Amino acid sequence: MKMFFVIYAEACDEKVTNAFKDSGFRSYTKMHGATGEGEESEPKLGTHFWPGRNNTLLFAVQDKEIERLVELVRRLKVEQPRAGVRAFTLPLEECV
């Protein structure tokens, strides 16, 4: 299994979340209000000078699903260029 981890601008939350749901990925954990600086967008630090925040989505999926998720993120990067969408995978082992 893998953890598919997606970071994106909070302002694009509805479009990004719906894109995953519409593609059949309905089981996820969402974290709101993440801050940080990245390579593809302005910093989102939740301050007056650097307003905005990020959200993150976490998907626990079988390895075979990763390519579909990667393709979805590639599409989102084209359709939502200001969202600063980034995705990562991590090995995942269920403990309980």
C-alpha atoms as a PDB file:
ATOM      1  CA  MET A   1       0.000   0.000   0.000  1.00  0.00           C
ATOM      2  CA  LYS A   2       0.938   3.627  -0.425  1.00  0.00           C
ATOM      3  CA  MET A   3      -0.054   6.923   1.114  1.00  0.00           C
ATOM      4  CA  PHE A   4      -0.782   9.412  -1.662  1.00  0.00           C
ATOM      5  CA  PHE A   5      -0.304  12.892  -0.190  1.00  0.00           C
ATOM      6  CA  VAL A   6      -1.607  15.978  -2.040  1.00  0.00           C
ATOM      7  CA  ILE A   7      -0.997  19.631  -1.096  1.00  0.00           C
ATOM      8  CA  TYR A   8      -2.904  22.485  -2.769  1.00  0.00           C
ATOM      9  CA  ALA A   9      -4.160  26.032  -2.218  1.00  0.00           C
ATOM     10  CA  GLU A  10      -7.129  26.239   0.137  1.00  0.00           C
ATOM     11  CA  ALA A  11      -8.875  28.591  -2.322  1.00  0.00           C
ATOM     12  CA  CYS A  12      -9.176  25.660  -4.778  1.00  0.00           C
ATOM     13  CA  ASP A  13     -10.479  23.172  -2.220  1.00  0.00           C
ATOM     14  CA  GLU A  14     -13.859  22.441  -3.776  1.00  0.00           C
ATOM     15  CA  LYS A  15     -12.497  21.898  -7.297  1.00  0.00           C
ATOM     16  CA  VAL A  16      -9.605  19.730  -6.144  1.00  0.00           C
ATOM     17  CA  THR A  17     -11.655  17.612  -3.739  1.00  0.00           C
ATOM     18  CA  ASN A  18     -14.421  17.124  -6.299  1.00  0.00           C
ATOM     19  CA  ALA A  19     -11.903  16.057  -8.958  1.00  0.00           C
ATOM     20  CA  PHE A  20     -10.754  13.193  -6.712  1.00  0.00           C
ATOM     21  CA  LYS A  21     -14.307  12.222  -5.769  1.00  0.00           C
ATOM     22  CA  ASP A  22     -15.456  12.321  -9.405  1.00  0.00           C
ATOM     23  CA  SER A  23     -12.550   9.998 -10.269  1.00  0.00           C
ATOM     24  CA  GLY A  24     -13.715   7.466  -7.695  1.00  0.00           C
ATOM     25  CA  PHE A  25     -11.341   8.341  -4.849  1.00  0.00           C
ATOM     26  CA  ARG A  26     -13.868   8.968  -2.076  1.00  0.00           C
ATOM     27  CA  SER A  27     -11.947   7.711   0.967  1.00  0.00           C
ATOM     28  CA  TYR A  28      -9.514  10.325   2.205  1.00  0.00           C
ATOM     29  CA  THR A  29      -8.377  12.394   5.143  1.00  0.00           C
ATOM     30  CA  LYS A  30      -8.266  16.174   4.711  1.00  0.00           C
ATOM     31  CA  MET A  31      -6.180  18.563   6.772  1.00  0.00           C
ATOM     32  CA  HIS A  32      -7.095  22.236   6.600  1.00  0.00           C
ATOM     33  CA  GLY A  33      -4.963  25.321   7.062  1.00  0.00           C
ATOM     34  CA  ALA A  34      -1.464  24.056   6.351  1.00  0.00           C
ATOM     35  CA  THR A  35       1.110  26.780   5.754  1.00  0.00           C
ATOM     36  CA  GLY A  36       4.370  26.713   3.862  1.00  0.00           C
ATOM     37  CA  GLU A  37       6.460  27.737   0.922  1.00  0.00           C
ATOM     38  CA  GLY A  38       6.818  25.776  -2.280  1.00  0.00           C
ATOM     39  CA  GLU A  39       8.402  25.899  -5.699  1.00  0.00           C
ATOM     40  CA  GLU A  40       5.280  26.360  -7.834  1.00  0.00           C
ATOM     41  CA  SER A  41       3.316  29.088  -6.031  1.00  0.00           C
ATOM     42  CA  GLU A  42       3.673  32.042  -3.708  1.00  0.00           C
ATOM     43  CA  PRO A  43       4.166  31.276  -0.005  1.00  0.00           C
ATOM     44  CA  LYS A  44       0.942  30.604   1.877  1.00  0.00           C
ATOM     45  CA  LEU A  45       1.675  31.505   5.466  1.00  0.00           C
ATOM     46  CA  GLY A  46      -1.691  32.821   6.669  1.00  0.00           C
ATOM     47  CA  THR A  47      -0.225  36.272   7.367  1.00  0.00           C
ATOM     48  CA  HIS A  48      -1.038  39.749   6.121  1.00  0.00           C
ATOM     49  CA  PHE A  49       2.080  39.759   3.945  1.00  0.00           C
ATOM     50  CA  TRP A  50       1.718  36.147   2.727  1.00  0.00           C
ATOM     51  CA  PRO A  51      -2.012  35.401   2.928  1.00  0.00           C
ATOM     52  CA  GLY A  52      -3.639  32.104   2.164  1.00  0.00           C
ATOM     53  CA  ARG A  53      -3.247  28.591   3.397  1.00  0.00           C
ATOM     54  CA  ASN A  54      -3.014  25.115   1.937  1.00  0.00           C
ATOM     55  CA  ASN A  55      -5.077  21.997   2.428  1.00  0.00           C
ATOM     56  CA  THR A  56      -3.819  18.451   2.207  1.00  0.00           C
ATOM     57  CA  LEU A  57      -5.521  15.239   1.162  1.00  0.00           C
ATOM     58  CA  LEU A  58      -4.260  11.824   2.204  1.00  0.00           C
ATOM     59  CA  PHE A  59      -5.340   8.678   0.364  1.00  0.00           C
ATOM     60  CA  ALA A  60      -4.423   5.163   1.532  1.00  0.00           C
ATOM     61  CA  VAL A  61      -4.445   3.181  -1.720  1.00  0.00           C
ATOM     62  CA  GLN A  62      -3.169   0.013  -3.309  1.00  0.00           C
ATOM     63  CA  ASP A  63       0.024   0.456  -5.329  1.00  0.00           C
ATOM     64  CA  LYS A  64      -1.859  -0.149  -8.583  1.00  0.00           C
ATOM     65  CA  GLU A  65      -3.949   3.028  -8.001  1.00  0.00           C
ATOM     66  CA  ILE A  66      -0.956   5.380  -7.873  1.00  0.00           C
ATOM     67  CA  GLU A  67      -0.676   5.941 -11.626  1.00  0.00           C
ATOM     68  CA  ARG A  68      -4.351   6.975 -11.853  1.00  0.00           C
ATOM     69  CA  LEU A  69      -3.821   9.431  -9.008  1.00  0.00           C
ATOM     70  CA  VAL A  70      -0.676  10.826 -10.628  1.00  0.00           C
ATOM     71  CA  GLU A  71      -2.556  11.387 -13.889  1.00  0.00           C
ATOM     72  CA  LEU A  72      -5.328  13.165 -12.012  1.00  0.00           C
ATOM     73  CA  VAL A  73      -2.803  15.491 -10.350  1.00  0.00           C
ATOM     74  CA  ARG A  74      -1.176  16.213 -13.719  1.00  0.00           C
ATOM     75  CA  ARG A  75      -4.594  17.188 -15.072  1.00  0.00           C
ATOM     76  CA  LEU A  76      -5.307  19.385 -12.038  1.00  0.00           C
ATOM     77  CA  LYS A  77      -1.975  21.174 -12.484  1.00  0.00           C
ATOM     78  CA  VAL A  78      -3.071  22.169 -16.001  1.00  0.00           C
ATOM     79  CA  GLU A  79      -6.673  23.013 -15.091  1.00  0.00           C
ATOM     80  CA  GLN A  80      -5.819  24.821 -11.816  1.00  0.00           C
ATOM     81  CA  PRO A  81      -2.348  26.343 -12.358  1.00  0.00           C
ATOM     82  CA  ARG A  82      -2.648  28.754  -9.393  1.00  0.00           C
ATOM     83  CA  ALA A  83      -3.488  25.947  -6.952  1.00  0.00           C
ATOM     84  CA  GLY A  84       0.159  24.933  -6.553  1.00  0.00           C
ATOM     85  CA  VAL A  85      -0.832  21.262  -6.500  1.00  0.00           C
ATOM     86  CA  ARG A  86       1.945  18.910  -5.418  1.00  0.00           C
ATOM     87  CA  ALA A  87       1.718  15.179  -4.743  1.00  0.00           C
ATOM     88  CA  PHE A  88       3.925  12.632  -3.032  1.00  0.00           C
ATOM     89  CA  THR A  89       3.771   8.937  -2.184  1.00  0.00           C
ATOM     90  CA  LEU A  90       4.944   7.248   0.970  1.00  0.00           C
ATOM     91  CA  PRO A  91       5.099   3.561   1.851  1.00  0.00           C
ATOM     92  CA  LEU A  92       2.174   2.586   4.040  1.00  0.00           C
ATOM     93  CA  GLU A  93       1.574  -0.330   6.350  1.00  0.00           C
ATOM     94  CA  GLU A  94      -1.666  -0.673   8.291  1.00  0.00           C
ATOM     95  CA  CYS A  95      -0.946  -1.395  11.942  1.00  0.00           C
ATOM     96  CA  VAL A  96      -4.354  -2.276  13.354  1.00  0.00           C
END
